Amino acid sequence: MSSDSSLPKVQCPNHPDALLVEDYRAGDMICPECGLVVGDRVIDVGSEWRTFSNEKATKDPSRVGDAQNPLLNGGDLTTMISKGTGAASFDEFGNNKYQNRRTMSSSDRAMLNAFKEITTMADRINLPRNIIDRTNNLFKQVYEQKSLKGRSNDAIASACLYIACRQEGVPRTFKEICAVSRISKKEIGRCFKLILKALETSVDLITTGDFMSRFCSNLGLPKQVQMAATYIARKAVELDLVPGRSPISVAAAAIYMASQASAEKKTQKEIGDIAGVADVTIRQSYRLIYPRAADLFPPDFKFDTPVDKLPQL
């Protein structure tokens, strides 16, 4: 037996098949055949105001307030009382009788400011909403544990954004986070390690492939060069040609090698500006992979410059 059949059905006892008419003004359900009021006090779920075409949308007629924020204590269920205008709104001394409770705690105020800063930073580097939500949750956990006392909230927020990007599979470099915040790279790195320890969480290791598509896209390189650079970087790691090198510097060196072998050549400075690494870092990684260049390119790569004509640096 279905659950729908157990629910009581509102219908006219004399005309059970008749379609009832709802009187919105009175809140009644009326049988159109005999006029019997079958149900009364029906709740109107429609809007409580009417909007006309010639009205200016300067005021919001809604009286339900903002959306609930579960990250704040009490869900941010507050009521704001507007400033009084009539004589009944003031006492004999001219003070407002009804005032807003100025009781937002300092912790809620600090978290709100941090959430605004997180949203601003995420918007600057075009991060989606799910990363912002994860960052807010991470910040709330760290703030409530009070395990990072003495660290600025902006530094904690920046580190939480970096962790959220890593956990969501769209990692950003420390320099990219540093560029949209007011915190130094060193301070963000310190907070990053402290947060991982405090929350007992972890992040996946970054690889060269995490950054390759974004770097190549920003450089305006074609798909063939991007695929070759990805192949070169992965092969260099498999052959253990770049021990101790960061994935970002290896990716930059692979992009440089692939671009130099193609018609779309890019300089070390152009790649370094996009990847956030110095020219000398790219050269050092490139020198490590250059001796095995012939083994690193994919078999179907179309060379514009042969391997033996690649720059030796």
Protein backbone atom coordinates (compact mmCIF):
# COMPACT_ATOMS: atom_id res chain seq x y z
CA MET A 1 0.00 0.00 0.00
CA SER A 2 1.46 3.35 -1.02
CA SER A 3 2.03 6.11 1.50
CA ASP A 4 -0.17 8.52 -0.52
CA SER A 5 -3.31 6.44 0.09
CA SER A 6 -2.94 6.79 3.86
CA LEU A 7 -3.05 10.60 3.75
CA PRO A 8 -6.46 12.27 4.28
CA LYS A 9 -7.87 13.75 1.09
CA VAL A 10 -9.89 16.97 1.14
CA GLN A 11 -13.06 16.40 -0.91
CA CYS A 12 -16.77 17.15 -0.87
CA PRO A 13 -18.72 14.31 0.81
CA ASN A 14 -21.58 14.75 -1.68
CA HIS A 15 -19.47 15.25 -4.81
CA PRO A 16 -16.12 13.44 -4.23
CA ASP A 17 -15.04 13.81 -7.87
CA ALA A 18 -15.60 17.58 -8.05
CA LEU A 19 -12.55 19.86 -8.37
CA LEU A 20 -12.61 22.17 -5.36
CA VAL A 21 -12.34 25.93 -5.82
CA GLU A 22 -9.97 27.85 -3.51
CA ASP A 23 -11.05 31.24 -2.19
CA TYR A 24 -7.72 32.93 -1.48
CA ARG A 25 -9.26 35.93 0.27
CA ALA A 26 -11.21 33.87 2.81
CA GLY A 27 -8.88 30.86 2.84
CA ASP A 28 -11.72 28.43 2.04
CA MET A 29 -11.99 25.36 -0.18
CA ILE A 30 -15.47 25.32 -1.79
CA CYS A 31 -17.28 22.62 -3.73
CA PRO A 32 -18.42 24.14 -7.09
CA GLU A 33 -21.41 21.75 -7.30
CA CYS A 34 -23.19 22.48 -4.00
CA GLY A 35 -21.24 25.43 -2.53
CA LEU A 36 -20.21 23.51 0.58
CA VAL A 37 -17.13 24.89 2.37
CA VAL A 38 -15.03 21.76 2.63
CA GLY A 39 -11.91 23.29 4.19
CA ASP A 40 -11.18 26.61 5.86
CA ARG A 41 -8.11 28.51 7.08
CA VAL A 42 -6.07 27.32 4.09
CA ILE A 43 -2.55 28.74 4.15
CA ASP A 44 -1.71 30.93 1.18
CA VAL A 45 1.82 30.06 0.06
CA GLY A 46 2.00 32.87 -2.49
CA SER A 47 3.83 36.17 -2.05
CA GLU A 48 2.39 38.69 0.39
CA TRP A 49 2.73 41.66 -1.97
CA ARG A 50 1.88 42.64 -5.51
CA THR A 51 4.30 44.21 -7.95
CA PHE A 52 3.09 46.53 -10.68
CA SER A 53 4.97 47.33 -13.87
CA ASN A 54 5.20 51.06 -13.16
CA GLU A 55 6.73 50.59 -9.71
CA LYS A 56 10.42 51.22 -9.18
CA ALA A 57 12.33 48.36 -7.63
CA THR A 58 13.95 50.57 -5.00
CA LYS A 59 12.72 48.64 -1.97
CA ASP A 60 12.62 44.95 -1.26
CA PRO A 61 9.05 44.06 -0.13
CA SER A 62 10.20 40.77 1.36
CA ARG A 63 10.02 40.56 5.16
CA VAL A 64 11.77 37.24 5.65
CA GLY A 65 15.32 38.60 6.01
CA ASP A 66 18.59 37.22 4.67
CA ALA A 67 19.35 33.58 4.13
CA GLN A 68 20.44 31.62 7.17
CA ASN A 69 24.19 31.33 7.66
CA PRO A 70 24.95 27.99 9.36
CA LEU A 71 28.59 28.98 9.90
CA LEU A 72 27.67 31.60 12.51
CA ASN A 73 26.48 30.92 16.06
CA GLY A 74 22.69 30.83 16.14
CA GLY A 75 22.51 30.66 12.37
CA ASP A 76 22.53 34.47 12.15
CA LEU A 77 18.78 34.58 12.90
CA THR A 78 18.66 38.24 13.88
CA THR A 79 16.00 40.94 13.56
CA MET A 80 16.85 44.48 12.51
CA ILE A 81 14.52 47.21 13.80
CA SER A 82 14.28 50.26 11.57
CA LYS A 83 14.67 53.78 12.89
CA GLY A 84 11.44 55.14 14.42
CA THR A 85 9.66 58.12 12.87
CA GLY A 86 6.54 58.68 14.97
CA ALA A 87 6.19 60.20 18.44
CA ALA A 88 5.48 56.77 19.96
CA SER A 89 8.95 55.62 18.94
CA PHE A 90 10.76 57.92 21.41
CA ASP A 91 10.73 58.33 25.19
CA GLU A 92 10.53 61.63 27.06
CA PHE A 93 14.28 62.13 26.66
CA GLY A 94 14.20 61.70 22.86
CA ASN A 95 15.85 58.28 22.84
CA ASN A 96 14.60 55.42 20.68
CA LYS A 97 12.35 53.04 22.62
CA TYR A 98 13.16 50.11 20.37
CA GLN A 99 16.78 49.49 19.48
CA ASN A 100 18.70 46.74 17.77
CA ARG A 101 20.55 44.40 20.06
CA ARG A 102 24.21 45.14 19.52
CA THR A 103 25.16 41.68 20.69
CA MET A 104 26.97 40.19 17.69
CA SER A 105 29.89 38.49 19.34
CA SER A 106 33.45 39.39 18.43
CA SER A 107 34.01 35.85 17.13
CA ASP A 108 31.05 36.10 14.73
CA ARG A 109 32.26 39.52 13.60
CA ALA A 110 35.76 38.16 12.98
CA MET A 111 34.40 35.18 11.04
CA LEU A 112 32.18 37.42 8.89
CA ASN A 113 35.16 39.61 8.01
CA ALA A 114 37.20 36.50 7.16
CA PHE A 115 34.40 35.11 4.97
CA LYS A 116 34.28 38.41 3.05
CA GLU A 117 38.06 38.32 2.58
CA ILE A 118 37.89 34.71 1.36
CA THR A 119 35.17 35.56 -1.16
CA THR A 120 37.16 38.55 -2.41
CA MET A 121 40.33 36.48 -2.89
CA ALA A 122 38.44 33.66 -4.62
CA ASP A 123 36.73 36.09 -7.00
CA ARG A 124 40.08 37.56 -8.02
CA ILE A 125 41.33 34.20 -9.29
CA ASN A 126 37.92 32.99 -10.54
CA LEU A 127 37.37 30.14 -8.09
CA PRO A 128 33.89 28.52 -7.95
CA ARG A 129 31.45 28.62 -5.04
CA ASN A 130 32.18 25.10 -3.78
CA ILE A 131 35.79 26.08 -3.03
CA ILE A 132 34.62 29.20 -1.17
CA ASP A 133 32.27 27.06 0.96
CA ARG A 134 35.01 24.55 1.74
CA THR A 135 37.38 27.39 2.68
CA ASN A 136 34.77 28.92 4.99
CA ASN A 137 34.27 25.58 6.74
CA LEU A 138 38.01 25.09 7.16
CA PHE A 139 38.39 28.59 8.61
CA LYS A 140 35.51 28.01 11.05
CA GLN A 141 37.09 24.77 12.30
CA VAL A 142 40.48 26.42 12.80
CA TYR A 143 39.00 29.53 14.43
CA GLU A 144 36.89 27.55 16.90
CA GLN A 145 39.81 25.29 17.87
CA LYS A 146 41.91 28.38 18.67
CA SER A 147 44.99 26.38 17.75
CA LEU A 148 46.57 29.18 15.71
CA LYS A 149 46.57 31.96 18.28
CA GLY A 150 48.86 34.82 17.36
CA ARG A 151 48.35 34.32 13.61
CA SER A 152 46.33 36.92 11.71
CA ASN A 153 42.91 35.88 10.40
CA ASP A 154 43.92 36.99 6.89
CA ALA A 155 46.89 34.60 6.94
CA ILE A 156 44.69 31.74 8.18
CA ALA A 157 42.06 32.52 5.52
CA SER A 158 44.72 32.54 2.78
CA ALA A 159 46.11 29.18 3.95
CA CYS A 160 42.58 27.70 4.13
CA LEU A 161 41.95 28.83 0.54
CA TYR A 162 45.18 27.13 -0.56
CA ILE A 163 44.16 23.89 1.21
CA ALA A 164 40.61 24.00 -0.23
CA CYS A 165 42.01 24.33 -3.75
CA ARG A 166 44.28 21.32 -3.20
CA GLN A 167 41.44 19.24 -1.72
CA GLU A 168 39.06 20.10 -4.57
CA GLY A 169 41.61 19.05 -7.20
CA VAL A 170 42.29 22.54 -8.60
CA PRO A 171 45.52 23.48 -6.81
CA ARG A 172 46.95 26.98 -6.92
CA THR A 173 50.53 27.93 -6.18
CA PHE A 174 51.53 29.83 -3.05
CA LYS A 175 52.48 32.77 -5.24
CA GLU A 176 49.01 32.86 -6.82
CA ILE A 177 47.36 32.95 -3.39
CA CYS A 178 49.91 35.50 -2.19
CA ALA A 179 49.12 37.75 -5.20
CA VAL A 180 45.45 38.10 -4.19
CA SER A 181 46.06 38.47 -0.45
CA ARG A 182 48.03 40.86 1.73
CA ILE A 183 50.07 38.09 3.34
CA SER A 184 53.60 36.99 2.52
CA LYS A 185 54.29 33.63 0.97
CA LYS A 186 56.32 32.54 4.01
CA GLU A 187 53.47 33.32 6.43
CA ILE A 188 50.91 31.47 4.29
CA GLY A 189 53.25 28.45 4.20
CA ARG A 190 53.61 28.47 7.99
CA CYS A 191 49.84 28.64 8.52
CA PHE A 192 49.34 25.89 5.93
CA LYS A 193 51.52 23.46 7.92
CA LEU A 194 49.93 24.45 11.25
CA ILE A 195 46.38 23.99 9.92
CA LEU A 196 47.12 20.53 8.53
CA LYS A 197 48.51 19.55 11.92
CA ALA A 198 45.66 21.14 13.92
CA LEU A 199 42.84 19.62 11.84
CA GLU A 200 44.68 16.30 11.37
CA THR A 201 43.92 16.43 7.67
CA SER A 202 46.03 15.99 4.58
CA VAL A 203 46.17 17.08 0.96
CA ASP A 204 47.18 15.14 -2.13
CA LEU A 205 50.66 15.73 -3.48
CA ILE A 206 50.69 18.16 -6.38
CA THR A 207 51.93 16.90 -9.73
CA THR A 208 53.07 18.60 -12.92
CA GLY A 209 49.75 17.78 -14.59
CA ASP A 210 47.81 19.87 -12.05
CA PHE A 211 49.19 23.10 -13.51
CA MET A 212 49.98 22.20 -17.10
CA SER A 213 46.65 22.97 -18.77
CA ARG A 214 46.28 26.31 -16.97
CA PHE A 215 49.83 27.46 -17.69
CA CYS A 216 49.62 26.48 -21.37
CA SER A 217 46.22 28.12 -21.74
CA ASN A 218 47.49 31.37 -20.23
CA LEU A 219 50.48 31.25 -22.60
CA GLY A 220 48.20 30.74 -25.60
CA LEU A 221 49.86 27.46 -26.60
CA PRO A 222 48.01 24.97 -28.84
CA LYS A 223 46.73 21.60 -27.66
CA GLN A 224 49.60 19.68 -29.29
CA VAL A 225 52.22 21.63 -27.31
CA GLN A 226 50.26 21.19 -24.08
CA MET A 227 50.02 17.41 -24.59
CA ALA A 228 53.75 17.24 -25.42
CA ALA A 229 54.69 19.27 -22.33
CA THR A 230 52.52 17.02 -20.14
CA TYR A 231 54.18 13.94 -21.65
CA ILE A 232 57.68 15.39 -21.19
CA ALA A 233 57.09 16.29 -17.54
CA ARG A 234 55.57 12.90 -16.70
CA LYS A 235 58.39 11.04 -18.48
CA ALA A 236 61.04 13.13 -16.72
CA VAL A 237 59.56 12.22 -13.33
CA GLU A 238 59.31 8.51 -14.27
CA LEU A 239 62.97 8.47 -15.38
CA ASP A 240 63.96 10.29 -12.16
CA LEU A 241 65.70 13.07 -14.09
CA VAL A 242 64.51 15.87 -11.76
CA PRO A 243 65.03 14.67 -8.17
CA GLY A 244 64.17 17.27 -5.56
CA ARG A 245 62.66 19.71 -8.06
CA SER A 246 59.22 21.20 -7.44
CA PRO A 247 56.45 20.12 -9.86
CA ILE A 248 55.94 23.75 -10.87
CA SER A 249 59.55 24.22 -12.01
CA VAL A 250 59.48 20.86 -13.84
CA ALA A 251 56.24 21.85 -15.58
CA ALA A 252 57.76 25.18 -16.61
CA ALA A 253 60.87 23.47 -18.02
CA ALA A 254 58.71 20.95 -19.92
CA ILE A 255 56.62 23.75 -21.42
CA TYR A 256 59.82 25.55 -22.47
CA MET A 257 61.20 22.43 -24.16
CA ALA A 258 57.92 21.61 -25.95
CA SER A 259 57.43 25.18 -27.14
CA GLN A 260 61.01 25.42 -28.45
CA ALA A 261 60.46 22.24 -30.48
CA SER A 262 57.22 23.62 -31.97
CA ALA A 263 56.35 26.68 -34.05
CA GLU A 264 54.89 28.43 -30.97
CA LYS A 265 58.13 29.31 -29.20
CA LYS A 266 58.02 30.96 -25.76
CA THR A 267 60.87 32.54 -23.82
CA GLN A 268 61.88 31.58 -20.29
CA LYS A 269 60.67 34.95 -19.02
CA GLU A 270 57.19 34.53 -20.56
CA ILE A 271 56.83 31.09 -19.01
CA GLY A 272 58.30 32.25 -15.68
CA ASP A 273 55.82 35.13 -15.42
CA ILE A 274 52.87 32.75 -15.86
CA ALA A 275 54.22 29.91 -13.71
CA GLY A 276 55.58 32.20 -11.00
CA VAL A 277 59.13 30.82 -11.11
CA ALA A 278 62.43 32.56 -11.84
CA ASP A 279 64.26 32.18 -15.16
CA VAL A 280 67.23 30.55 -13.44
CA THR A 281 64.92 27.92 -11.90
CA ILE A 282 63.57 27.02 -15.34
CA ARG A 283 67.13 26.78 -16.70
CA GLN A 284 68.26 24.50 -13.89
CA SER A 285 65.37 22.07 -14.46
CA TYR A 286 65.79 22.28 -18.24
CA ARG A 287 69.48 21.35 -18.00
CA LEU A 288 68.54 18.21 -16.06
CA ILE A 289 66.10 16.96 -18.73
CA TYR A 290 67.93 18.19 -21.86
CA PRO A 291 70.39 15.24 -22.16
CA ARG A 292 67.44 12.83 -22.48
CA ALA A 293 65.31 15.10 -24.68
CA ALA A 294 65.04 12.53 -27.48
CA ASP A 295 63.41 10.04 -25.08
CA LEU A 296 60.98 12.54 -23.57
CA PHE A 297 58.88 13.64 -26.56
CA PRO A 298 55.74 11.68 -27.51
CA PRO A 299 56.14 9.50 -30.64
CA ASP A 300 53.53 11.41 -32.67
CA PHE A 301 54.93 14.90 -31.97
CA LYS A 302 55.48 17.04 -35.07
CA PHE A 303 58.82 18.82 -34.67
CA ASP A 304 59.30 22.31 -36.06
CA THR A 305 62.81 22.35 -34.55
CA PRO A 306 64.67 19.00 -34.28
CA VAL A 307 65.81 17.73 -30.90
CA ASP A 308 69.49 18.28 -31.69
CA LYS A 309 68.75 21.96 -32.52
CA LEU A 310 67.05 22.71 -29.19
CA PRO A 311 68.75 25.39 -27.05
CA GLN A 312 71.32 23.93 -24.67
CA LEU A 313 71.38 26.85 -22.19
